[in-house]
Amino acid sequence: MSEWLENTVQVEVEQPIDRVWQLWADLEQLPNWMNWITSVKVLEGQPELSRWTLTTAGLQFSWQSKITKQIPNQIIQWESINGLPNRGAIRFYDRKDNTIVKMTISYAVPDLLAKVMNTPFIGRFVEGTIQADLDRFREYAMR
């Protein structure tokens, strides 16, 4: 059995929503700002499917992900269909010349591990890691 843990962070990017959307919609660019994601490859002829690789502390995980909902300039929602169990959404909020990007990531961990990981300390660490990714995205988008 496993338990789903969820983390949400957001960042304000001083770019119009069209630019911010274009960067996120090109999934293969994500390793440019997501520290632990080493590659994302969209499957040829199936743009809703992609293969992801995450590397951390000498460990490597991979999974295939499917976009389950995509509304331009509003949301990209996904879920893994094999490998590392995860799901989430990137939401975009138009603030005229700025854009709020809000990321929610959920991941399944075995019940025994969930008891260790579902603590305020681990939650802050995971959210801090995701926040750092979004901060790097903001810098990347400003180039």
Protein backbone atom coordinates (compact mmCIF):
# COMPACT_ATOMS: atom_id res chain seq x y z
CA MET A 1 0.00 0.00 0.00
CA SER A 2 1.08 3.55 -0.57
CA GLU A 3 0.10 7.03 0.53
CA TRP A 4 -0.04 10.13 -1.66
CA LEU A 5 1.84 13.21 -0.44
CA GLU A 6 1.22 16.61 -2.02
CA ASN A 7 3.15 19.88 -2.20
CA THR A 8 2.19 23.22 -3.77
CA VAL A 9 4.34 26.27 -4.49
CA GLN A 10 4.03 29.33 -6.70
CA VAL A 11 6.09 32.11 -8.21
CA GLU A 12 5.34 35.39 -9.95
CA VAL A 13 7.14 35.81 -13.26
CA GLU A 14 7.55 39.26 -14.78
CA GLN A 15 6.61 38.03 -18.25
CA PRO A 16 3.31 37.89 -20.14
CA ILE A 17 1.35 34.67 -19.87
CA ASP A 18 1.93 33.73 -23.52
CA ARG A 19 5.71 33.61 -22.99
CA VAL A 20 5.43 31.71 -19.71
CA TRP A 21 3.00 29.21 -21.26
CA GLN A 22 5.28 28.58 -24.26
CA LEU A 23 8.20 27.68 -22.01
CA TRP A 24 6.21 25.21 -19.88
CA ALA A 25 4.32 23.69 -22.81
CA ASP A 26 7.67 22.62 -24.31
CA LEU A 27 8.27 19.85 -21.77
CA GLU A 28 11.74 19.04 -23.07
CA GLN A 29 12.93 22.43 -21.74
CA LEU A 30 12.06 21.59 -18.12
CA PRO A 31 15.54 20.24 -17.21
CA ASN A 32 16.80 23.81 -17.82
CA TRP A 33 15.26 24.88 -14.51
CA MET A 34 14.18 21.71 -12.67
CA ASN A 35 17.26 20.69 -10.75
CA TRP A 36 16.58 16.95 -10.31
CA ILE A 37 14.99 16.37 -13.72
CA THR A 38 17.78 15.29 -16.04
CA SER A 39 15.67 14.66 -19.14
CA VAL A 40 12.17 14.85 -20.58
CA LYS A 41 11.53 13.34 -24.00
CA VAL A 42 8.15 13.73 -25.68
CA LEU A 43 7.26 10.52 -27.52
CA GLU A 44 7.25 10.89 -31.28
CA GLY A 45 3.73 10.96 -32.69
CA GLN A 46 2.20 11.05 -29.18
CA PRO A 47 2.64 14.60 -27.82
CA GLU A 48 0.58 13.82 -24.71
CA LEU A 49 3.13 11.17 -23.62
CA SER A 50 6.64 11.80 -22.33
CA ARG A 51 9.49 9.89 -20.69
CA TRP A 52 11.01 11.57 -17.61
CA THR A 53 14.29 10.90 -15.77
CA LEU A 54 15.04 12.20 -12.26
CA THR A 55 18.46 11.89 -10.63
CA THR A 56 19.21 12.63 -6.99
CA ALA A 57 21.77 11.42 -4.46
CA GLY A 58 23.18 8.96 -6.97
CA LEU A 59 19.78 7.37 -7.60
CA GLN A 60 17.95 7.53 -10.90
CA PHE A 61 14.22 7.14 -11.45
CA SER A 62 12.26 7.21 -14.67
CA TRP A 63 8.63 7.12 -15.62
CA GLN A 64 6.26 7.75 -18.45
CA SER A 65 3.80 10.57 -18.00
CA LYS A 66 0.55 11.48 -19.75
CA ILE A 67 -0.92 14.96 -20.05
CA THR A 68 -4.51 14.52 -18.83
CA LYS A 69 -5.65 18.11 -19.26
CA GLN A 70 -4.18 21.01 -21.18
CA ILE A 71 -5.84 24.38 -21.62
CA PRO A 72 -3.51 26.97 -23.20
CA ASN A 73 -2.48 29.76 -20.82
CA GLN A 74 -4.38 28.07 -17.96
CA ILE A 75 -3.30 24.55 -16.98
CA ILE A 76 -1.15 21.54 -17.79
CA GLN A 77 -2.19 18.52 -15.73
CA TRP A 78 -0.43 15.15 -15.79
CA GLU A 79 -0.14 11.74 -14.21
CA SER A 80 2.46 9.02 -14.50
CA ILE A 81 1.32 5.88 -16.26
CA ASN A 82 4.30 3.73 -15.22
CA GLY A 83 7.45 4.04 -13.14
CA LEU A 84 7.63 6.58 -10.33
CA PRO A 85 3.99 7.28 -9.29
CA ASN A 86 3.24 10.99 -9.48
CA ARG A 87 0.64 13.47 -10.70
CA GLY A 88 0.12 17.18 -10.60
CA ALA A 89 -0.67 20.41 -12.36
CA ILE A 90 0.91 23.67 -13.42
CA ARG A 91 -1.59 26.53 -13.33
CA PHE A 92 -1.08 29.93 -14.94
CA TYR A 93 -2.72 33.14 -13.76
CA ASP A 94 -2.60 36.23 -15.98
CA ARG A 95 -1.66 39.43 -14.13
CA LYS A 96 -1.32 41.64 -17.25
CA ASP A 97 2.46 41.95 -17.66
CA ASN A 98 3.15 39.28 -15.01
CA THR A 99 2.13 35.65 -14.62
CA ILE A 100 1.59 33.60 -11.49
CA VAL A 101 2.78 30.01 -11.93
CA LYS A 102 1.41 27.58 -9.35
CA MET A 103 2.72 24.01 -9.26
CA THR A 104 1.13 21.15 -7.34
CA ILE A 105 2.95 17.82 -7.28
CA SER A 106 1.65 14.63 -5.67
CA TYR A 107 3.68 11.46 -5.35
CA ALA A 108 2.97 8.04 -3.92
CA VAL A 109 5.31 6.57 -1.34
CA PRO A 110 5.03 3.24 0.49
CA ASP A 111 3.10 3.49 3.76
CA LEU A 112 6.19 2.76 5.85
CA LEU A 113 8.15 5.52 4.11
CA ALA A 114 5.16 7.90 4.24
CA LYS A 115 5.31 7.87 8.04
CA VAL A 116 8.88 9.19 7.83
CA MET A 117 8.31 11.58 4.90
CA ASN A 118 4.97 13.08 5.96
CA THR A 119 6.53 15.44 8.49
CA PRO A 120 6.78 19.23 8.51
CA PHE A 121 10.57 19.02 8.03
CA ILE A 122 10.37 16.80 4.91
CA GLY A 123 7.41 18.81 3.58
CA ARG A 124 9.42 22.04 3.88
CA PHE A 125 12.41 20.37 2.19
CA VAL A 126 10.32 19.16 -0.77
CA GLU A 127 8.52 22.50 -1.10
CA GLY A 128 11.85 24.33 -0.85
CA THR A 129 13.25 22.18 -3.66
CA ILE A 130 10.22 22.82 -5.87
CA GLN A 131 10.28 26.52 -5.00
CA ALA A 132 13.94 26.70 -6.03
CA ASP A 133 12.95 25.13 -9.37
CA LEU A 134 10.26 27.76 -9.88
CA ASP A 135 12.70 30.53 -8.92
CA ARG A 136 15.14 29.18 -11.54
CA PHE A 137 12.24 29.15 -14.03
CA ARG A 138 11.56 32.83 -13.30
CA GLU A 139 15.23 33.63 -14.03
CA TYR A 140 15.16 31.47 -17.18
CA ALA A 141 12.01 33.20 -18.44
CA MET A 142 13.59 36.63 -17.98
CA ARG A 143 16.41 35.90 -20.47
